[in-house]
Amino acid sequence: MDTARTVSVACVLVLSAILFPSIGGIDTNATPEVLVESYTVQITDAYAVTDIARVLYNPSNSAIDHTFRFSIPRDALISNFSIEVDNLIYY
């Protein structure tokens, strides 16, 4: 993997802070279920816009942790990252 690097995004930690401020702690034993996962890529000239969508179901009664992990080329960069929750976009 010389030409790629791994990027990890701990988005549910952010989501749990937004959605569940009154819940005390994160359940480290529960595992979220992936209900939907989709990828869309739009290439224009030298730019590629990639949209990664993942819908998770939390089977527990408390916040749980989930990490997105994906590889991108070593010389690539992420210029915008956002999370959409209940039709609200967080940057």
N, C-alpha and C. Protein backbone atom coordinates (compact mmCIF):
# COMPACT_ATOMS: atom_id res chain seq x y z
N MET A 1 0.82 -1.19 0.00
CA MET A 1 0.00 0.00 0.00
C MET A 1 0.87 1.25 0.00
N ASP A 2 1.92 1.26 -0.80
CA ASP A 2 2.80 2.42 -0.86
C ASP A 2 2.12 3.65 -1.43
N THR A 3 1.22 3.44 -2.38
CA THR A 3 0.60 4.59 -3.04
C THR A 3 -0.70 5.02 -2.40
N ALA A 4 -1.07 4.40 -1.29
CA ALA A 4 -2.32 4.77 -0.63
C ALA A 4 -2.09 4.93 0.87
N ARG A 5 -2.96 5.66 1.48
CA ARG A 5 -2.93 5.80 2.93
C ARG A 5 -4.33 5.52 3.45
N THR A 6 -4.41 5.09 4.66
CA THR A 6 -5.70 4.78 5.25
C THR A 6 -6.20 5.96 6.04
N VAL A 7 -7.44 6.31 5.82
CA VAL A 7 -8.07 7.42 6.52
C VAL A 7 -9.16 6.84 7.41
N SER A 8 -9.16 7.21 8.66
CA SER A 8 -10.19 6.76 9.58
C SER A 8 -11.02 7.95 10.01
N VAL A 9 -12.30 7.78 10.01
CA VAL A 9 -13.20 8.84 10.44
C VAL A 9 -14.10 8.28 11.54
N ALA A 10 -13.93 8.80 12.73
CA ALA A 10 -14.76 8.34 13.84
C ALA A 10 -16.00 9.22 13.89
N CYS A 11 -16.95 8.92 13.03
CA CYS A 11 -18.10 9.81 12.89
C CYS A 11 -19.17 9.56 13.93
N VAL A 12 -19.32 8.36 14.41
CA VAL A 12 -20.39 8.12 15.37
C VAL A 12 -20.07 8.75 16.71
N LEU A 13 -18.78 8.94 17.00
CA LEU A 13 -18.44 9.67 18.22
C LEU A 13 -18.99 11.09 18.14
N VAL A 14 -18.86 11.70 16.97
CA VAL A 14 -19.43 13.03 16.77
C VAL A 14 -20.95 12.95 16.82
N LEU A 15 -21.51 11.96 16.14
CA LEU A 15 -22.95 11.80 16.12
C LEU A 15 -23.51 11.53 17.51
N SER A 16 -22.80 10.73 18.29
CA SER A 16 -23.32 10.44 19.62
C SER A 16 -23.31 11.68 20.49
N ALA A 17 -22.35 12.56 20.27
CA ALA A 17 -22.33 13.82 21.03
C ALA A 17 -23.47 14.73 20.59
N ILE A 18 -23.84 14.67 19.31
CA ILE A 18 -24.92 15.51 18.79
C ILE A 18 -26.28 14.93 19.16
N LEU A 19 -26.45 13.62 18.97
CA LEU A 19 -27.76 13.00 19.12
C LEU A 19 -28.09 12.57 20.54
N PHE A 20 -27.07 12.22 21.31
CA PHE A 20 -27.32 11.64 22.62
C PHE A 20 -26.55 12.35 23.73
N PRO A 21 -26.73 13.66 23.91
CA PRO A 21 -25.95 14.37 24.92
C PRO A 21 -26.28 13.94 26.34
N SER A 22 -27.47 13.38 26.56
CA SER A 22 -27.85 13.02 27.93
C SER A 22 -27.47 11.59 28.30
N ILE A 23 -26.99 10.82 27.34
CA ILE A 23 -26.63 9.44 27.62
C ILE A 23 -25.22 9.41 28.20
N GLY A 24 -25.04 8.70 29.28
CA GLY A 24 -23.74 8.65 29.92
C GLY A 24 -22.89 7.52 29.40
N GLY A 25 -21.93 7.81 28.55
CA GLY A 25 -20.97 6.81 28.11
C GLY A 25 -21.31 6.15 26.79
N ILE A 26 -20.33 5.39 26.31
CA ILE A 26 -20.46 4.66 25.06
C ILE A 26 -20.44 3.18 25.37
N ASP A 27 -21.34 2.42 24.79
CA ASP A 27 -21.39 0.98 24.98
C ASP A 27 -20.33 0.34 24.10
N THR A 28 -19.25 -0.15 24.70
CA THR A 28 -18.15 -0.71 23.92
C THR A 28 -18.41 -2.15 23.48
N ASN A 29 -19.46 -2.79 24.00
CA ASN A 29 -19.77 -4.17 23.63
C ASN A 29 -20.75 -4.27 22.47
N ALA A 30 -21.54 -3.25 22.24
CA ALA A 30 -22.55 -3.28 21.17
C ALA A 30 -21.89 -3.00 19.82
N THR A 31 -22.47 -3.58 18.78
CA THR A 31 -21.97 -3.38 17.42
C THR A 31 -23.10 -2.81 16.57
N PRO A 32 -22.85 -1.69 15.86
CA PRO A 32 -23.91 -1.15 15.00
C PRO A 32 -24.14 -2.05 13.79
N GLU A 33 -25.36 -2.10 13.32
CA GLU A 33 -25.69 -2.86 12.13
C GLU A 33 -25.72 -1.91 10.94
N VAL A 34 -25.03 -2.28 9.86
CA VAL A 34 -25.03 -1.47 8.65
C VAL A 34 -26.28 -1.85 7.85
N LEU A 35 -27.21 -0.91 7.71
CA LEU A 35 -28.45 -1.17 6.97
C LEU A 35 -28.29 -0.88 5.49
N VAL A 36 -27.60 0.22 5.17
CA VAL A 36 -27.40 0.63 3.78
C VAL A 36 -25.98 1.17 3.64
N GLU A 37 -25.34 0.83 2.54
CA GLU A 37 -24.03 1.40 2.24
C GLU A 37 -23.97 1.65 0.75
N SER A 38 -23.60 2.87 0.35
CA SER A 38 -23.53 3.19 -1.08
C SER A 38 -22.36 4.13 -1.35
N TYR A 39 -21.86 4.06 -2.58
CA TYR A 39 -20.75 4.89 -3.01
C TYR A 39 -21.12 5.51 -4.34
N THR A 40 -20.89 6.81 -4.47
CA THR A 40 -21.12 7.51 -5.73
C THR A 40 -19.88 8.33 -6.04
N VAL A 41 -19.38 8.22 -7.27
CA VAL A 41 -18.18 8.96 -7.68
C VAL A 41 -18.53 9.77 -8.92
N GLN A 42 -18.19 11.06 -8.88
CA GLN A 42 -18.38 11.93 -10.04
C GLN A 42 -17.01 12.50 -10.39
N ILE A 43 -16.55 12.23 -11.62
CA ILE A 43 -15.23 12.69 -12.04
C ILE A 43 -15.40 13.83 -13.04
N THR A 44 -14.76 14.96 -12.74
CA THR A 44 -14.75 16.12 -13.62
C THR A 44 -13.31 16.60 -13.74
N ASP A 45 -12.76 16.53 -14.94
CA ASP A 45 -11.36 16.90 -15.19
C ASP A 45 -10.45 16.11 -14.24
N ALA A 46 -9.68 16.80 -13.41
CA ALA A 46 -8.74 16.12 -12.51
C ALA A 46 -9.31 15.89 -11.12
N TYR A 47 -10.59 16.16 -10.94
CA TYR A 47 -11.20 16.06 -9.61
C TYR A 47 -12.21 14.92 -9.56
N ALA A 48 -12.22 14.23 -8.45
CA ALA A 48 -13.22 13.19 -8.21
C ALA A 48 -13.95 13.53 -6.92
N VAL A 49 -15.25 13.61 -7.00
CA VAL A 49 -16.07 13.85 -5.82
C VAL A 49 -16.70 12.51 -5.45
N THR A 50 -16.38 12.04 -4.27
CA THR A 50 -16.86 10.74 -3.82
C THR A 50 -17.81 10.92 -2.65
N ASP A 51 -18.98 10.35 -2.78
CA ASP A 51 -19.98 10.40 -1.71
C ASP A 51 -20.12 9.00 -1.15
N ILE A 52 -19.83 8.86 0.14
CA ILE A 52 -19.96 7.58 0.81
C ILE A 52 -21.12 7.71 1.79
N ALA A 53 -22.13 6.89 1.62
CA ALA A 53 -23.29 6.94 2.51
C ALA A 53 -23.40 5.62 3.26
N ARG A 54 -23.60 5.71 4.55
CA ARG A 54 -23.78 4.51 5.37
C ARG A 54 -24.87 4.80 6.39
N VAL A 55 -25.88 3.96 6.41
CA VAL A 55 -26.96 4.08 7.39
C VAL A 55 -26.75 2.98 8.42
N LEU A 56 -26.66 3.39 9.68
CA LEU A 56 -26.41 2.45 10.77
C LEU A 56 -27.61 2.34 11.68
N TYR A 57 -27.78 1.16 12.24
CA TYR A 57 -28.81 0.94 13.25
C TYR A 57 -28.11 0.62 14.56
N ASN A 58 -28.50 1.31 15.62
CA ASN A 58 -27.93 1.10 16.94
C ASN A 58 -28.88 0.20 17.73
N PRO A 59 -28.52 -1.09 17.95
CA PRO A 59 -29.42 -1.99 18.66
C PRO A 59 -29.41 -1.81 20.18
N SER A 60 -28.50 -1.00 20.69
CA SER A 60 -28.41 -0.83 22.14
C SER A 60 -29.16 0.42 22.58
N ASN A 61 -29.26 0.61 23.87
CA ASN A 61 -29.94 1.78 24.44
C ASN A 61 -28.98 2.91 24.77
N SER A 62 -27.72 2.78 24.35
CA SER A 62 -26.75 3.85 24.61
C SER A 62 -25.95 4.11 23.34
N ALA A 63 -25.16 5.17 23.36
CA ALA A 63 -24.33 5.52 22.21
C ALA A 63 -23.29 4.44 21.99
N ILE A 64 -22.99 4.14 20.73
CA ILE A 64 -21.95 3.17 20.41
C ILE A 64 -20.98 3.79 19.41
N ASP A 65 -19.80 3.22 19.32
CA ASP A 65 -18.72 3.74 18.50
C ASP A 65 -18.69 3.02 17.15
N HIS A 66 -18.40 3.77 16.09
CA HIS A 66 -18.22 3.18 14.76
C HIS A 66 -17.20 4.02 14.01
N THR A 67 -16.29 3.37 13.32
CA THR A 67 -15.24 4.08 12.58
C THR A 67 -15.32 3.72 11.11
N PHE A 68 -15.33 4.75 10.24
CA PHE A 68 -15.19 4.54 8.80
C PHE A 68 -13.70 4.44 8.52
N ARG A 69 -13.31 3.47 7.72
CA ARG A 69 -11.91 3.35 7.33
C ARG A 69 -11.87 3.12 5.82
N PHE A 70 -11.13 3.95 5.11
CA PHE A 70 -11.03 3.79 3.66
C PHE A 70 -9.68 4.29 3.21
N SER A 71 -9.22 3.79 2.07
CA SER A 71 -7.91 4.18 1.53
C SER A 71 -8.09 5.22 0.44
N ILE A 72 -7.16 6.16 0.42
CA ILE A 72 -7.12 7.16 -0.65
C ILE A 72 -5.69 7.22 -1.16
N PRO A 73 -5.47 7.67 -2.40
CA PRO A 73 -4.10 7.79 -2.90
C PRO A 73 -3.27 8.70 -1.99
N ARG A 74 -1.98 8.40 -1.89
CA ARG A 74 -1.09 9.13 -0.99
C ARG A 74 -1.10 10.64 -1.26
N ASP A 75 -1.20 11.05 -2.51
CA ASP A 75 -1.16 12.49 -2.83
C ASP A 75 -2.56 13.11 -2.90
N ALA A 76 -3.59 12.36 -2.54
CA ALA A 76 -4.96 12.90 -2.53
C ALA A 76 -5.22 13.64 -1.23
N LEU A 77 -6.28 14.43 -1.24
CA LEU A 77 -6.66 15.13 -0.02
C LEU A 77 -8.17 15.18 0.10
N ILE A 78 -8.62 15.34 1.33
CA ILE A 78 -10.05 15.50 1.59
C ILE A 78 -10.29 16.99 1.78
N SER A 79 -11.09 17.59 0.90
CA SER A 79 -11.29 19.04 0.97
C SER A 79 -12.58 19.42 1.68
N ASN A 80 -13.49 18.46 1.87
CA ASN A 80 -14.74 18.76 2.56
C ASN A 80 -15.23 17.47 3.19
N PHE A 81 -15.62 17.56 4.44
CA PHE A 81 -16.19 16.40 5.11
C PHE A 81 -17.43 16.87 5.84
N SER A 82 -18.51 16.14 5.67
CA SER A 82 -19.75 16.50 6.36
C SER A 82 -20.50 15.23 6.76
N ILE A 83 -21.34 15.38 7.77
CA ILE A 83 -22.19 14.29 8.24
C ILE A 83 -23.62 14.80 8.21
N GLU A 84 -24.51 14.00 7.62
CA GLU A 84 -25.92 14.38 7.60
C GLU A 84 -26.69 13.49 8.57
N VAL A 85 -27.40 14.13 9.49
CA VAL A 85 -28.20 13.42 10.49
C VAL A 85 -29.58 14.05 10.51
N ASP A 86 -30.60 13.25 10.24
CA ASP A 86 -31.98 13.74 10.24
C ASP A 86 -32.14 15.01 9.41
N ASN A 87 -31.60 15.00 8.20
CA ASN A 87 -31.68 16.10 7.24
C ASN A 87 -30.92 17.36 7.67
N LEU A 88 -30.08 17.28 8.69
CA LEU A 88 -29.20 18.39 9.07
C LEU A 88 -27.78 18.01 8.71
N ILE A 89 -27.05 18.94 8.08
CA ILE A 89 -25.67 18.67 7.67
C ILE A 89 -24.72 19.34 8.64
N TYR A 90 -23.78 18.56 9.16
CA TYR A 90 -22.75 19.07 10.07
C TYR A 90 -21.41 19.03 9.35
N TYR A 91 -20.67 20.16 9.35
CA TYR A 91 -19.37 20.24 8.68
C TYR A 91 -18.26 20.18 9.69
